[in-house]
Amino acid sequence: MQKLLTQPYKGTRDFLPDEMSVRTQLFEALLQRAEQGEVLLLTNALVMAELVWILESFYKLPKTEVEEKVLAVLNTPGLEVVDGELVLQVVVWYVEKNVDFMDADNATWMSRQGLQTACTFDQKHVARFEGITVVVPSVAGAQEE
């Protein structure tokens, strides 16, 4: 079976809002080949983050709809997301904690590494994760602008 790296494409089936174009039709045909076992499509967590960004910024979808689309990708026959279990936890926390996708990604990574302290200026979002203590960077005598 041939393995192909794939990236999200605006307009694909369950992943993004309907947009019938030649590219959409070509990608749909590729997905059908994957479902039939002719090819295995591979992608990764960074591409999933890009998909989330497209859904949020271009399509203006709310987090719950973004979650549905990410889950559709994770459950597509013939399409494998490397570290898909990590992406699943990320998207759950993204909605549940009402944080940015990358904040949820960082918290998931920290949790899997056994890390409990985050040095960040983003107290608001990172503090929403149980088991993570936020430390704000500071230098003696320095003032924040």
N, C-alpha and C. Protein backbone atom coordinates (compact mmCIF):
# COMPACT_ATOMS: atom_id res chain seq x y z
N MET A 1 0.85 -1.18 0.00
CA MET A 1 0.00 0.00 0.00
C MET A 1 0.89 1.24 0.00
N GLN A 2 0.55 2.19 -0.81
CA GLN A 2 1.30 3.43 -0.91
C GLN A 2 0.93 4.34 0.27
N LYS A 3 1.94 5.02 0.85
CA LYS A 3 1.69 5.98 1.93
C LYS A 3 1.89 7.38 1.37
N LEU A 4 0.95 8.26 1.67
CA LEU A 4 1.02 9.65 1.20
C LEU A 4 0.84 10.59 2.37
N LEU A 5 1.64 11.64 2.42
CA LEU A 5 1.48 12.68 3.43
C LEU A 5 0.41 13.63 2.92
N THR A 6 -0.52 13.97 3.78
CA THR A 6 -1.59 14.87 3.36
C THR A 6 -1.67 16.06 4.31
N GLN A 7 -2.15 17.16 3.80
CA GLN A 7 -2.37 18.36 4.59
C GLN A 7 -3.84 18.75 4.44
N PRO A 8 -4.38 19.48 5.41
CA PRO A 8 -5.79 19.84 5.29
C PRO A 8 -5.99 20.74 4.08
N TYR A 9 -7.12 20.55 3.46
CA TYR A 9 -7.46 21.37 2.31
C TYR A 9 -8.82 21.99 2.54
N LYS A 10 -8.91 23.29 2.35
CA LYS A 10 -10.19 23.97 2.52
C LYS A 10 -11.24 23.34 1.61
N GLY A 11 -12.33 22.86 2.19
CA GLY A 11 -13.41 22.33 1.40
C GLY A 11 -13.57 20.84 1.48
N THR A 12 -12.74 20.14 2.23
CA THR A 12 -12.86 18.69 2.27
C THR A 12 -14.08 18.26 3.05
N ARG A 13 -14.71 17.26 2.57
CA ARG A 13 -15.82 16.52 3.12
C ARG A 13 -16.28 16.95 4.51
N ASP A 14 -16.07 16.15 5.52
CA ASP A 14 -16.54 16.46 6.87
C ASP A 14 -15.62 17.42 7.61
N PHE A 15 -14.46 17.68 7.07
CA PHE A 15 -13.48 18.45 7.81
C PHE A 15 -13.77 19.94 7.76
N LEU A 16 -14.21 20.41 6.63
CA LEU A 16 -14.42 21.84 6.43
C LEU A 16 -15.76 22.07 5.75
N PRO A 17 -16.26 23.30 5.80
CA PRO A 17 -17.53 23.60 5.14
C PRO A 17 -17.48 23.26 3.65
N ASP A 18 -18.65 22.98 3.08
CA ASP A 18 -18.74 22.59 1.68
C ASP A 18 -18.23 23.69 0.76
N GLU A 19 -17.46 23.28 -0.19
CA GLU A 19 -16.90 24.16 -1.19
C GLU A 19 -16.61 23.29 -2.40
N MET A 20 -17.49 23.24 -3.37
CA MET A 20 -17.27 22.35 -4.51
C MET A 20 -16.36 23.04 -5.52
N SER A 21 -15.19 22.49 -5.67
CA SER A 21 -14.23 22.97 -6.65
C SER A 21 -13.51 21.75 -7.20
N VAL A 22 -12.70 21.96 -8.20
CA VAL A 22 -11.94 20.86 -8.77
C VAL A 22 -11.02 20.26 -7.72
N ARG A 23 -10.36 21.10 -6.94
CA ARG A 23 -9.47 20.60 -5.89
C ARG A 23 -10.22 19.78 -4.85
N THR A 24 -11.38 20.25 -4.48
CA THR A 24 -12.20 19.52 -3.52
C THR A 24 -12.55 18.15 -4.06
N GLN A 25 -12.95 18.10 -5.31
CA GLN A 25 -13.30 16.83 -5.93
C GLN A 25 -12.10 15.88 -6.01
N LEU A 26 -10.93 16.43 -6.31
CA LEU A 26 -9.72 15.61 -6.36
C LEU A 26 -9.37 15.05 -4.98
N PHE A 27 -9.50 15.91 -3.96
CA PHE A 27 -9.20 15.45 -2.61
C PHE A 27 -10.22 14.41 -2.16
N GLU A 28 -11.46 14.61 -2.51
CA GLU A 28 -12.51 13.63 -2.19
C GLU A 28 -12.18 12.27 -2.82
N ALA A 29 -11.71 12.30 -4.06
CA ALA A 29 -11.33 11.05 -4.73
C ALA A 29 -10.16 10.39 -4.00
N LEU A 30 -9.21 11.18 -3.51
CA LEU A 30 -8.09 10.64 -2.75
C LEU A 30 -8.58 10.00 -1.45
N LEU A 31 -9.51 10.67 -0.77
CA LEU A 31 -10.07 10.10 0.46
C LEU A 31 -10.78 8.78 0.19
N GLN A 32 -11.48 8.69 -0.93
CA GLN A 32 -12.15 7.45 -1.28
C GLN A 32 -11.14 6.33 -1.52
N ARG A 33 -10.02 6.65 -2.17
CA ARG A 33 -8.96 5.65 -2.37
C ARG A 33 -8.41 5.19 -1.02
N ALA A 34 -8.29 6.10 -0.08
CA ALA A 34 -7.79 5.74 1.25
C ALA A 34 -8.79 4.83 1.96
N GLU A 35 -10.07 5.16 1.87
CA GLU A 35 -11.11 4.33 2.48
C GLU A 35 -11.12 2.92 1.91
N GLN A 36 -10.78 2.79 0.64
CA GLN A 36 -10.77 1.49 -0.03
C GLN A 36 -9.46 0.74 0.19
N GLY A 37 -8.53 1.35 0.92
CA GLY A 37 -7.27 0.69 1.23
C GLY A 37 -6.22 0.77 0.15
N GLU A 38 -6.44 1.59 -0.86
CA GLU A 38 -5.45 1.73 -1.94
C GLU A 38 -4.24 2.54 -1.50
N VAL A 39 -4.46 3.52 -0.64
CA VAL A 39 -3.39 4.35 -0.10
C VAL A 39 -3.65 4.57 1.38
N LEU A 40 -2.59 4.88 2.12
CA LEU A 40 -2.72 5.28 3.51
C LEU A 40 -2.26 6.72 3.60
N LEU A 41 -3.14 7.60 4.03
CA LEU A 41 -2.82 9.01 4.16
C LEU A 41 -2.28 9.26 5.56
N LEU A 42 -1.16 9.95 5.66
CA LEU A 42 -0.54 10.25 6.94
C LEU A 42 -0.47 11.76 7.14
N THR A 43 -0.74 12.19 8.35
CA THR A 43 -0.58 13.59 8.69
C THR A 43 -0.12 13.66 10.14
N ASN A 44 0.05 14.87 10.67
CA ASN A 44 0.59 15.00 12.03
C ASN A 44 -0.11 16.10 12.82
N ALA A 45 0.29 16.24 14.07
CA ALA A 45 -0.36 17.19 14.98
C ALA A 45 -0.21 18.64 14.53
N LEU A 46 0.92 18.97 13.93
CA LEU A 46 1.11 20.34 13.47
C LEU A 46 0.13 20.68 12.34
N VAL A 47 -0.11 19.74 11.47
CA VAL A 47 -1.09 19.94 10.40
C VAL A 47 -2.49 20.07 10.99
N MET A 48 -2.76 19.32 12.05
CA MET A 48 -4.06 19.44 12.72
C MET A 48 -4.22 20.83 13.33
N ALA A 49 -3.13 21.37 13.89
CA ALA A 49 -3.17 22.74 14.43
C ALA A 49 -3.47 23.75 13.32
N GLU A 50 -2.90 23.52 12.14
CA GLU A 50 -3.18 24.39 11.00
C GLU A 50 -4.65 24.29 10.59
N LEU A 51 -5.19 23.08 10.62
CA LEU A 51 -6.61 22.89 10.32
C LEU A 51 -7.47 23.69 11.29
N VAL A 52 -7.15 23.61 12.57
CA VAL A 52 -7.90 24.37 13.59
C VAL A 52 -7.81 25.86 13.30
N TRP A 53 -6.62 26.33 12.97
CA TRP A 53 -6.43 27.74 12.68
C TRP A 53 -7.29 28.17 11.48
N ILE A 54 -7.32 27.35 10.43
CA ILE A 54 -8.14 27.66 9.25
C ILE A 54 -9.63 27.71 9.62
N LEU A 55 -10.06 26.74 10.39
CA LEU A 55 -11.48 26.69 10.79
C LEU A 55 -11.86 27.89 11.64
N GLU A 56 -10.96 28.30 12.53
CA GLU A 56 -11.25 29.44 13.41
C GLU A 56 -11.15 30.78 12.66
N SER A 57 -10.04 30.97 11.97
CA SER A 57 -9.77 32.30 11.40
C SER A 57 -10.47 32.54 10.07
N PHE A 58 -10.49 31.56 9.19
CA PHE A 58 -11.09 31.75 7.87
C PHE A 58 -12.59 31.50 7.89
N TYR A 59 -12.99 30.37 8.50
CA TYR A 59 -14.40 30.00 8.51
C TYR A 59 -15.16 30.51 9.73
N LYS A 60 -14.44 31.05 10.71
CA LYS A 60 -15.06 31.63 11.92
C LYS A 60 -15.95 30.64 12.66
N LEU A 61 -15.54 29.37 12.71
CA LEU A 61 -16.34 28.35 13.38
C LEU A 61 -16.11 28.40 14.89
N PRO A 62 -17.16 28.14 15.67
CA PRO A 62 -17.00 28.05 17.12
C PRO A 62 -16.23 26.79 17.50
N LYS A 63 -15.67 26.79 18.70
CA LYS A 63 -14.84 25.67 19.16
C LYS A 63 -15.54 24.32 19.05
N THR A 64 -16.82 24.25 19.35
CA THR A 64 -17.52 22.96 19.30
C THR A 64 -17.57 22.40 17.88
N GLU A 65 -17.74 23.29 16.89
CA GLU A 65 -17.74 22.82 15.50
C GLU A 65 -16.34 22.43 15.04
N VAL A 66 -15.34 23.17 15.51
CA VAL A 66 -13.96 22.83 15.20
C VAL A 66 -13.66 21.45 15.77
N GLU A 67 -14.09 21.20 17.00
CA GLU A 67 -13.88 19.90 17.63
C GLU A 67 -14.49 18.78 16.78
N GLU A 68 -15.72 18.99 16.30
CA GLU A 68 -16.38 17.98 15.45
C GLU A 68 -15.56 17.67 14.21
N LYS A 69 -15.02 18.70 13.59
CA LYS A 69 -14.24 18.51 12.37
C LYS A 69 -12.93 17.78 12.65
N VAL A 70 -12.26 18.13 13.75
CA VAL A 70 -11.02 17.44 14.12
C VAL A 70 -11.31 15.98 14.42
N LEU A 71 -12.39 15.71 15.13
CA LEU A 71 -12.76 14.32 15.41
C LEU A 71 -13.07 13.57 14.12
N ALA A 72 -13.66 14.24 13.14
CA ALA A 72 -13.93 13.61 11.85
C ALA A 72 -12.63 13.19 11.18
N VAL A 73 -11.61 14.05 11.24
CA VAL A 73 -10.31 13.71 10.67
C VAL A 73 -9.73 12.50 11.40
N LEU A 74 -9.76 12.54 12.73
CA LEU A 74 -9.19 11.45 13.53
C LEU A 74 -9.87 10.12 13.27
N ASN A 75 -11.11 10.16 12.81
CA ASN A 75 -11.88 8.93 12.58
C ASN A 75 -12.07 8.59 11.10
N THR A 76 -11.31 9.21 10.23
CA THR A 76 -11.42 8.95 8.81
C THR A 76 -10.68 7.67 8.45
N PRO A 77 -11.37 6.69 7.89
CA PRO A 77 -10.69 5.45 7.46
C PRO A 77 -9.62 5.75 6.42
N GLY A 78 -8.44 5.18 6.61
CA GLY A 78 -7.37 5.36 5.65
C GLY A 78 -6.56 6.62 5.85
N LEU A 79 -6.90 7.41 6.86
CA LEU A 79 -6.14 8.62 7.18
C LEU A 79 -5.64 8.48 8.61
N GLU A 80 -4.34 8.45 8.77
CA GLU A 80 -3.74 8.27 10.09
C GLU A 80 -3.08 9.56 10.54
N VAL A 81 -3.43 10.00 11.74
CA VAL A 81 -2.79 11.16 12.34
C VAL A 81 -1.75 10.64 13.32
N VAL A 82 -0.48 10.91 13.01
CA VAL A 82 0.59 10.50 13.91
C VAL A 82 0.36 11.22 15.24
N ASP A 83 0.45 10.50 16.34
CA ASP A 83 0.14 11.04 17.67
C ASP A 83 -1.33 11.46 17.78
N GLY A 84 -2.19 10.69 17.13
CA GLY A 84 -3.62 10.99 17.15
C GLY A 84 -4.22 11.01 18.53
N GLU A 85 -3.69 10.16 19.44
CA GLU A 85 -4.21 10.16 20.83
C GLU A 85 -3.91 11.49 21.50
N LEU A 86 -2.75 12.05 21.20
CA LEU A 86 -2.38 13.35 21.75
C LEU A 86 -3.33 14.41 21.20
N VAL A 87 -3.58 14.39 19.90
CA VAL A 87 -4.48 15.36 19.27
C VAL A 87 -5.89 15.24 19.85
N LEU A 88 -6.31 14.02 20.13
CA LEU A 88 -7.63 13.82 20.73
C LEU A 88 -7.72 14.52 22.08
N GLN A 89 -6.71 14.35 22.94
CA GLN A 89 -6.71 15.02 24.25
C GLN A 89 -6.66 16.54 24.06
N VAL A 90 -5.87 16.99 23.12
CA VAL A 90 -5.73 18.43 22.87
C VAL A 90 -7.08 19.03 22.50
N VAL A 91 -7.79 18.41 21.56
CA VAL A 91 -9.06 18.98 21.10
C VAL A 91 -10.12 18.93 22.21
N VAL A 92 -10.07 17.92 23.06
CA VAL A 92 -11.01 17.85 24.19
C VAL A 92 -10.75 19.02 25.14
N TRP A 93 -9.49 19.23 25.50
CA TRP A 93 -9.15 20.33 26.41
C TRP A 93 -9.38 21.69 25.76
N TYR A 94 -9.15 21.80 24.48
CA TYR A 94 -9.37 23.04 23.73
C TYR A 94 -10.81 23.53 23.93
N VAL A 95 -11.76 22.61 23.91
CA VAL A 95 -13.16 22.97 24.12
C VAL A 95 -13.49 23.04 25.61
N GLU A 96 -13.12 22.00 26.33
CA GLU A 96 -13.47 21.88 27.76
C GLU A 96 -12.91 23.03 28.60
N LYS A 97 -11.67 23.43 28.33
CA LYS A 97 -11.01 24.49 29.12
C LYS A 97 -11.17 25.86 28.48
N ASN A 98 -11.75 25.90 27.27
CA ASN A 98 -11.92 27.15 26.52
C ASN A 98 -10.60 27.90 26.39
N VAL A 99 -9.63 27.20 25.81
CA VAL A 99 -8.30 27.78 25.60
C VAL A 99 -7.93 27.66 24.12
N ASP A 100 -6.84 28.30 23.76
CA ASP A 100 -6.32 28.16 22.40
C ASP A 100 -5.85 26.72 22.19
N PHE A 101 -5.90 26.29 20.93
CA PHE A 101 -5.49 24.93 20.59
C PHE A 101 -4.05 24.68 21.02
N MET A 102 -3.17 25.65 20.80
CA MET A 102 -1.76 25.46 21.14
C MET A 102 -1.55 25.44 22.65
N ASP A 103 -2.35 26.17 23.42
CA ASP A 103 -2.26 26.08 24.88
C ASP A 103 -2.65 24.67 25.33
N ALA A 104 -3.70 24.13 24.73
CA ALA A 104 -4.12 22.77 25.07
C ALA A 104 -3.05 21.76 24.63
N ASP A 105 -2.41 22.02 23.50
CA ASP A 105 -1.33 21.15 23.03
C ASP A 105 -0.16 21.17 24.02
N ASN A 106 0.23 22.35 24.45
CA ASN A 106 1.33 22.46 25.41
C ASN A 106 0.99 21.77 26.73
N ALA A 107 -0.23 21.96 27.21
CA ALA A 107 -0.64 21.33 28.46
C ALA A 107 -0.66 19.80 28.33
N THR A 108 -1.11 19.31 27.19
CA THR A 108 -1.13 17.87 26.96
C THR A 108 0.30 17.33 26.93
N TRP A 109 1.18 18.02 26.24
CA TRP A 109 2.58 17.61 26.17
C TRP A 109 3.20 17.61 27.57
N MET A 110 2.96 18.69 28.33
CA MET A 110 3.50 18.78 29.69
C MET A 110 3.02 17.61 30.54
N SER A 111 1.73 17.32 30.44
CA SER A 111 1.15 16.23 31.22
C SER A 111 1.83 14.90 30.89
N ARG A 112 2.06 14.66 29.61
CA ARG A 112 2.70 13.40 29.19
C ARG A 112 4.16 13.33 29.57
N GLN A 113 4.79 14.49 29.76
CA GLN A 113 6.19 14.52 30.16
C GLN A 113 6.35 14.54 31.69
N GLY A 114 5.23 14.64 32.41
CA GLY A 114 5.29 14.71 33.86
C GLY A 114 5.71 16.08 34.39
N LEU A 115 5.61 17.09 33.55
CA LEU A 115 5.98 18.46 33.95
C LEU A 115 4.81 19.13 34.65
N GLN A 116 5.11 19.90 35.68
CA GLN A 116 4.04 20.51 36.47
C GLN A 116 4.13 22.03 36.57
N THR A 117 5.18 22.62 36.03
CA THR A 117 5.35 24.07 36.12
C THR A 117 5.56 24.65 34.73
N ALA A 118 4.75 25.67 34.41
CA ALA A 118 4.87 26.37 33.14
C ALA A 118 5.34 27.79 33.40
N CYS A 119 6.42 28.17 32.76
CA CYS A 119 6.93 29.53 32.86
C CYS A 119 6.36 30.29 31.66
N THR A 120 5.35 31.13 31.93
CA THR A 120 4.63 31.79 30.83
C THR A 120 3.98 33.08 31.31
N PHE A 121 3.74 33.97 30.37
CA PHE A 121 2.97 35.18 30.67
C PHE A 121 1.47 34.91 30.50
N ASP A 122 1.11 33.78 29.94
CA ASP A 122 -0.28 33.43 29.67
C ASP A 122 -0.92 32.74 30.87
N GLN A 123 -1.03 33.48 31.98
CA GLN A 123 -1.59 32.93 33.20
C GLN A 123 -3.04 32.52 33.03
N LYS A 124 -3.80 33.33 32.32
CA LYS A 124 -5.24 33.12 32.18
C LYS A 124 -5.57 31.73 31.65
N HIS A 125 -4.94 31.33 30.55
CA HIS A 125 -5.28 30.04 29.94
C HIS A 125 -4.58 28.87 30.60
N VAL A 126 -3.30 29.01 30.87
CA VAL A 126 -2.54 27.88 31.41
C VAL A 126 -3.01 27.50 32.81
N ALA A 127 -3.47 28.46 33.58
CA ALA A 127 -3.96 28.18 34.94
C ALA A 127 -5.23 27.33 34.93
N ARG A 128 -5.87 27.16 33.80
CA ARG A 128 -7.10 26.36 33.70
C ARG A 128 -6.82 24.86 33.73
N PHE A 129 -5.56 24.47 33.64
CA PHE A 129 -5.21 23.05 33.62
C PHE A 129 -4.79 22.60 35.01
N GLU A 130 -5.53 21.61 35.53
CA GLU A 130 -5.21 21.07 36.84
C GLU A 130 -3.83 20.43 36.79
N GLY A 131 -3.08 20.61 37.87
CA GLY A 131 -1.77 19.98 37.96
C GLY A 131 -0.65 20.79 37.34
N ILE A 132 -0.97 21.95 36.75
CA ILE A 132 0.07 22.81 36.18
C ILE A 132 0.10 24.12 36.96
N THR A 133 1.26 24.43 37.48
CA THR A 133 1.47 25.68 38.21
C THR A 133 2.10 26.67 37.25
N VAL A 134 1.58 27.90 37.24
CA VAL A 134 2.09 28.93 36.35
C VAL A 134 3.09 29.80 37.11
N VAL A 135 4.25 29.99 36.51
CA VAL A 135 5.26 30.90 37.04
C VAL A 135 5.48 31.96 35.97
N VAL A 136 5.28 33.22 36.34
CA VAL A 136 5.46 34.32 35.40
C VAL A 136 6.94 34.71 35.41
N PRO A 137 7.55 34.77 34.21
CA PRO A 137 8.97 35.16 34.15
C PRO A 137 9.18 36.55 34.74
N SER A 138 10.27 36.70 35.48
CA SER A 138 10.58 38.02 36.04
C SER A 138 12.09 38.12 36.26
N VAL A 139 12.54 39.36 36.25
CA VAL A 139 13.93 39.67 36.54
C VAL A 139 13.90 40.72 37.64
N ALA A 140 14.70 40.55 38.66
CA ALA A 140 14.72 41.50 39.77
C ALA A 140 14.92 42.92 39.26
N GLY A 141 14.00 43.82 39.61
CA GLY A 141 14.09 45.21 39.24
C GLY A 141 13.51 45.55 37.89
N ALA A 142 13.15 44.55 37.10
CA ALA A 142 12.59 44.83 35.76
C ALA A 142 11.12 45.15 35.88
N GLN A 143 10.65 46.01 35.00
CA GLN A 143 9.23 46.35 34.97
C GLN A 143 8.65 45.92 33.63
N GLU A 144 7.43 45.40 33.67
CA GLU A 144 6.76 44.98 32.43
C GLU A 144 6.28 46.22 31.70
N GLU A 145 6.45 46.22 30.38
CA GLU A 145 5.99 47.35 29.57
C GLU A 145 4.54 47.23 29.22
